[in-house]
Protein backbone atom coordinates (compact mmCIF):
# COMPACT_ATOMS: atom_id res chain seq x y z
CA UNK A 1 0.00 0.00 0.00
CA UNK A 2 1.33 3.46 -0.92
CA UNK A 3 1.94 6.10 1.72
CA UNK A 4 -0.99 8.23 0.54
CA UNK A 5 -3.31 5.21 0.77
CA UNK A 6 -2.06 4.41 4.28
CA UNK A 7 -2.64 7.99 5.40
CA UNK A 8 -6.12 8.00 3.87
CA UNK A 9 -6.86 4.76 5.72
CA UNK A 10 -5.58 6.32 8.96
CA UNK A 11 -7.78 9.36 8.41
CA UNK A 12 -10.84 7.17 7.87
CA UNK A 13 -10.03 5.23 11.04
CA UNK A 14 -9.65 8.49 12.95
CA UNK A 15 -12.98 9.78 11.64
CA UNK A 16 -14.61 6.47 12.58
CA UNK A 17 -13.22 6.85 16.11
CA UNK A 18 -10.75 3.97 15.94
CA UNK A 19 -7.84 6.00 17.25
CA UNK A 20 -5.73 2.97 18.20
CA UNK A 21 -5.76 1.62 14.64
CA UNK A 22 -5.29 5.08 13.15
CA UNK A 23 -2.27 5.59 15.40
CA UNK A 24 -0.89 2.20 14.43
CA UNK A 25 -1.29 3.00 10.72
CA UNK A 26 0.53 6.33 11.09
CA UNK A 27 3.25 4.56 13.05
CA UNK A 28 3.77 2.12 10.19
CA UNK A 29 4.26 5.01 7.77
CA UNK A 30 6.74 6.66 10.13
CA UNK A 31 8.60 3.38 10.62
CA UNK A 32 9.45 3.34 6.93
CA UNK A 33 9.46 7.11 6.29
CA UNK A 34 10.46 8.77 9.59
CA UNK A 35 10.30 12.34 8.28
CA UNK A 36 6.93 12.14 6.53
CA UNK A 37 5.31 15.43 7.53
CA UNK A 38 1.76 14.29 6.76
CA UNK A 39 2.10 11.20 8.95
CA UNK A 40 3.62 13.26 11.79
CA UNK A 41 0.79 15.78 11.51
CA UNK A 42 -1.92 13.12 11.49
CA UNK A 43 -0.38 11.25 14.41
CA UNK A 44 -0.19 14.55 16.28
CA UNK A 45 -3.90 15.11 15.70
CA UNK A 46 -4.69 11.63 16.96
CA UNK A 47 -2.57 12.16 20.08
CA UNK A 48 -4.34 15.46 20.65
CA UNK A 49 -7.69 13.65 20.57
CA UNK A 50 -6.29 11.30 23.21
CA UNK A 51 -5.29 14.35 25.31
CA UNK A 52 -1.58 13.64 24.86
CA UNK A 53 -1.14 17.27 23.89
CA UNK A 54 2.57 17.73 24.54
CA UNK A 55 3.48 14.79 22.29
CA UNK A 56 0.95 16.07 19.76
CA UNK A 57 2.57 19.50 19.73
CA UNK A 58 6.05 17.99 19.36
CA UNK A 59 4.98 15.92 16.37
CA UNK A 60 3.14 18.74 14.63
CA UNK A 61 6.13 21.04 15.19
CA UNK A 62 8.32 18.43 13.48
CA UNK A 63 5.82 18.26 10.63
CA UNK A 64 6.00 22.06 10.30
CA UNK A 65 9.81 21.85 10.17
CA UNK A 66 9.48 19.46 7.23
CA UNK A 67 6.75 21.48 5.48
CA UNK A 68 6.56 25.03 6.85
CA UNK A 69 4.04 26.19 4.24
CA UNK A 70 1.36 23.62 5.12
CA UNK A 71 -1.35 25.89 6.50
CA UNK A 72 -3.31 22.96 7.98
CA UNK A 73 -0.35 22.11 10.20
CA UNK A 74 -0.23 25.66 11.58
CA UNK A 75 -3.99 25.84 11.95
CA UNK A 76 -4.20 22.57 13.88
CA UNK A 77 -1.33 23.30 16.24
CA UNK A 78 -2.89 26.71 16.88
CA UNK A 79 -6.11 24.98 17.86
CA UNK A 80 -4.25 22.78 20.32
CA UNK A 81 -2.49 25.82 21.82
CA UNK A 82 -5.84 27.62 22.08
CA UNK A 83 -7.42 24.69 23.93
CA UNK A 84 -4.49 24.75 26.35
CA UNK A 85 -4.89 28.49 26.94
CA UNK A 86 -1.55 29.22 25.26
CA UNK A 87 -3.05 32.10 23.33
CA UNK A 88 0.14 33.90 22.24
CA UNK A 89 1.42 30.70 20.63
CA UNK A 90 -1.97 30.09 19.05
CA UNK A 91 -2.07 33.58 17.61
CA UNK A 92 1.44 33.21 16.25
CA UNK A 93 0.51 30.00 14.44
CA UNK A 94 -2.74 31.45 13.09
CA UNK A 95 -0.71 34.21 11.46
C-alpha atoms as a PDB file:
ATOM      1  CA  UNK A   1       0.000   0.000   0.000  1.00  0.00           C
ATOM      2  CA  UNK A   2       1.331   3.457  -0.917  1.00  0.00           C
ATOM      3  CA  UNK A   3       1.938   6.098   1.724  1.00  0.00           C
ATOM      4  CA  UNK A   4      -0.995   8.227   0.538  1.00  0.00           C
ATOM      5  CA  UNK A   5      -3.314   5.208   0.773  1.00  0.00           C
ATOM      6  CA  UNK A   6      -2.061   4.408   4.279  1.00  0.00           C
ATOM      7  CA  UNK A   7      -2.644   7.988   5.404  1.00  0.00           C
ATOM      8  CA  UNK A   8      -6.123   8.002   3.873  1.00  0.00           C
ATOM      9  CA  UNK A   9      -6.856   4.759   5.718  1.00  0.00           C
ATOM     10  CA  UNK A  10      -5.580   6.317   8.963  1.00  0.00           C
ATOM     11  CA  UNK A  11      -7.784   9.361   8.408  1.00  0.00           C
ATOM     12  CA  UNK A  12     -10.843   7.171   7.874  1.00  0.00           C
ATOM     13  CA  UNK A  13     -10.026   5.227  11.038  1.00  0.00           C
ATOM     14  CA  UNK A  14      -9.649   8.485  12.955  1.00  0.00           C
ATOM     15  CA  UNK A  15     -12.979   9.782  11.642  1.00  0.00           C
ATOM     16  CA  UNK A  16     -14.609   6.471  12.579  1.00  0.00           C
ATOM     17  CA  UNK A  17     -13.223   6.851  16.110  1.00  0.00           C
ATOM     18  CA  UNK A  18     -10.747   3.971  15.940  1.00  0.00           C
ATOM     19  CA  UNK A  19      -7.838   6.004  17.251  1.00  0.00           C
ATOM     20  CA  UNK A  20      -5.733   2.974  18.200  1.00  0.00           C
ATOM     21  CA  UNK A  21      -5.758   1.619  14.640  1.00  0.00           C
ATOM     22  CA  UNK A  22      -5.293   5.084  13.155  1.00  0.00           C
ATOM     23  CA  UNK A  23      -2.272   5.592  15.401  1.00  0.00           C
ATOM     24  CA  UNK A  24      -0.889   2.205  14.431  1.00  0.00           C
ATOM     25  CA  UNK A  25      -1.290   3.000  10.721  1.00  0.00           C
ATOM     26  CA  UNK A  26       0.527   6.326  11.089  1.00  0.00           C
ATOM     27  CA  UNK A  27       3.251   4.565  13.049  1.00  0.00           C
ATOM     28  CA  UNK A  28       3.773   2.116  10.186  1.00  0.00           C
ATOM     29  CA  UNK A  29       4.264   5.013   7.769  1.00  0.00           C
ATOM     30  CA  UNK A  30       6.741   6.660  10.134  1.00  0.00           C
ATOM     31  CA  UNK A  31       8.604   3.381  10.622  1.00  0.00           C
ATOM     32  CA  UNK A  32       9.451   3.336   6.925  1.00  0.00           C
ATOM     33  CA  UNK A  33       9.457   7.108   6.293  1.00  0.00           C
ATOM     34  CA  UNK A  34      10.457   8.766   9.585  1.00  0.00           C
ATOM     35  CA  UNK A  35      10.302  12.340   8.283  1.00  0.00           C
ATOM     36  CA  UNK A  36       6.934  12.143   6.534  1.00  0.00           C
ATOM     37  CA  UNK A  37       5.309  15.426   7.528  1.00  0.00           C
ATOM     38  CA  UNK A  38       1.761  14.286   6.763  1.00  0.00           C
ATOM     39  CA  UNK A  39       2.102  11.202   8.952  1.00  0.00           C
ATOM     40  CA  UNK A  40       3.618  13.264  11.787  1.00  0.00           C
ATOM     41  CA  UNK A  41       0.791  15.776  11.515  1.00  0.00           C
ATOM     42  CA  UNK A  42      -1.922  13.125  11.487  1.00  0.00           C
ATOM     43  CA  UNK A  43      -0.383  11.254  14.407  1.00  0.00           C
ATOM     44  CA  UNK A  44      -0.190  14.554  16.276  1.00  0.00           C
ATOM     45  CA  UNK A  45      -3.902  15.113  15.697  1.00  0.00           C
ATOM     46  CA  UNK A  46      -4.693  11.628  16.964  1.00  0.00           C
ATOM     47  CA  UNK A  47      -2.571  12.160  20.076  1.00  0.00           C
ATOM     48  CA  UNK A  48      -4.341  15.456  20.649  1.00  0.00           C
ATOM     49  CA  UNK A  49      -7.688  13.651  20.570  1.00  0.00           C
ATOM     50  CA  UNK A  50      -6.285  11.299  23.215  1.00  0.00           C
ATOM     51  CA  UNK A  51      -5.293  14.350  25.309  1.00  0.00           C
ATOM     52  CA  UNK A  52      -1.578  13.637  24.862  1.00  0.00           C
ATOM     53  CA  UNK A  53      -1.142  17.265  23.887  1.00  0.00           C
ATOM     54  CA  UNK A  54       2.571  17.732  24.540  1.00  0.00           C
ATOM     55  CA  UNK A  55       3.483  14.790  22.292  1.00  0.00           C
ATOM     56  CA  UNK A  56       0.947  16.065  19.756  1.00  0.00           C
ATOM     57  CA  UNK A  57       2.570  19.504  19.732  1.00  0.00           C
ATOM     58  CA  UNK A  58       6.047  17.992  19.364  1.00  0.00           C
ATOM     59  CA  UNK A  59       4.982  15.920  16.368  1.00  0.00           C
ATOM     60  CA  UNK A  60       3.136  18.738  14.634  1.00  0.00           C
ATOM     61  CA  UNK A  61       6.132  21.045  15.194  1.00  0.00           C
ATOM     62  CA  UNK A  62       8.318  18.426  13.484  1.00  0.00           C
ATOM     63  CA  UNK A  63       5.818  18.261  10.635  1.00  0.00           C
ATOM     64  CA  UNK A  64       6.003  22.058  10.305  1.00  0.00           C
ATOM     65  CA  UNK A  65       9.809  21.853  10.173  1.00  0.00           C
ATOM     66  CA  UNK A  66       9.477  19.458   7.226  1.00  0.00           C
ATOM     67  CA  UNK A  67       6.751  21.476   5.477  1.00  0.00           C
ATOM     68  CA  UNK A  68       6.565  25.029   6.849  1.00  0.00           C
ATOM     69  CA  UNK A  69       4.039  26.192   4.241  1.00  0.00           C
ATOM     70  CA  UNK A  70       1.360  23.615   5.123  1.00  0.00           C
ATOM     71  CA  UNK A  71      -1.348  25.888   6.498  1.00  0.00           C
ATOM     72  CA  UNK A  72      -3.310  22.963   7.977  1.00  0.00           C
ATOM     73  CA  UNK A  73      -0.352  22.107  10.204  1.00  0.00           C
ATOM     74  CA  UNK A  74      -0.227  25.665  11.582  1.00  0.00           C
ATOM     75  CA  UNK A  75      -3.993  25.842  11.955  1.00  0.00           C
ATOM     76  CA  UNK A  76      -4.196  22.568  13.881  1.00  0.00           C
ATOM     77  CA  UNK A  77      -1.327  23.298  16.238  1.00  0.00           C
ATOM     78  CA  UNK A  78      -2.886  26.712  16.883  1.00  0.00           C
ATOM     79  CA  UNK A  79      -6.112  24.977  17.862  1.00  0.00           C
ATOM     80  CA  UNK A  80      -4.246  22.784  20.324  1.00  0.00           C
ATOM     81  CA  UNK A  81      -2.493  25.816  21.819  1.00  0.00           C
ATOM     82  CA  UNK A  82      -5.844  27.624  22.084  1.00  0.00           C
ATOM     83  CA  UNK A  83      -7.421  24.690  23.930  1.00  0.00           C
ATOM     84  CA  UNK A  84      -4.491  24.751  26.350  1.00  0.00           C
ATOM     85  CA  UNK A  85      -4.889  28.492  26.943  1.00  0.00           C
ATOM     86  CA  UNK A  86      -1.548  29.218  25.260  1.00  0.00           C
ATOM     87  CA  UNK A  87      -3.052  32.103  23.332  1.00  0.00           C
ATOM     88  CA  UNK A  88       0.137  33.903  22.238  1.00  0.00           C
ATOM     89  CA  UNK A  89       1.424  30.698  20.632  1.00  0.00           C
ATOM     90  CA  UNK A  90      -1.966  30.088  19.047  1.00  0.00           C
ATOM     91  CA  UNK A  91      -2.074  33.583  17.615  1.00  0.00           C
ATOM     92  CA  UNK A  92       1.441  33.210  16.247  1.00  0.00           C
ATOM     93  CA  UNK A  93       0.512  29.995  14.436  1.00  0.00           C
ATOM     94  CA  UNK A  94      -2.738  31.452  13.090  1.00  0.00           C
ATOM     95  CA  UNK A  95      -0.708  34.212  11.456  1.00  0.00           C
END
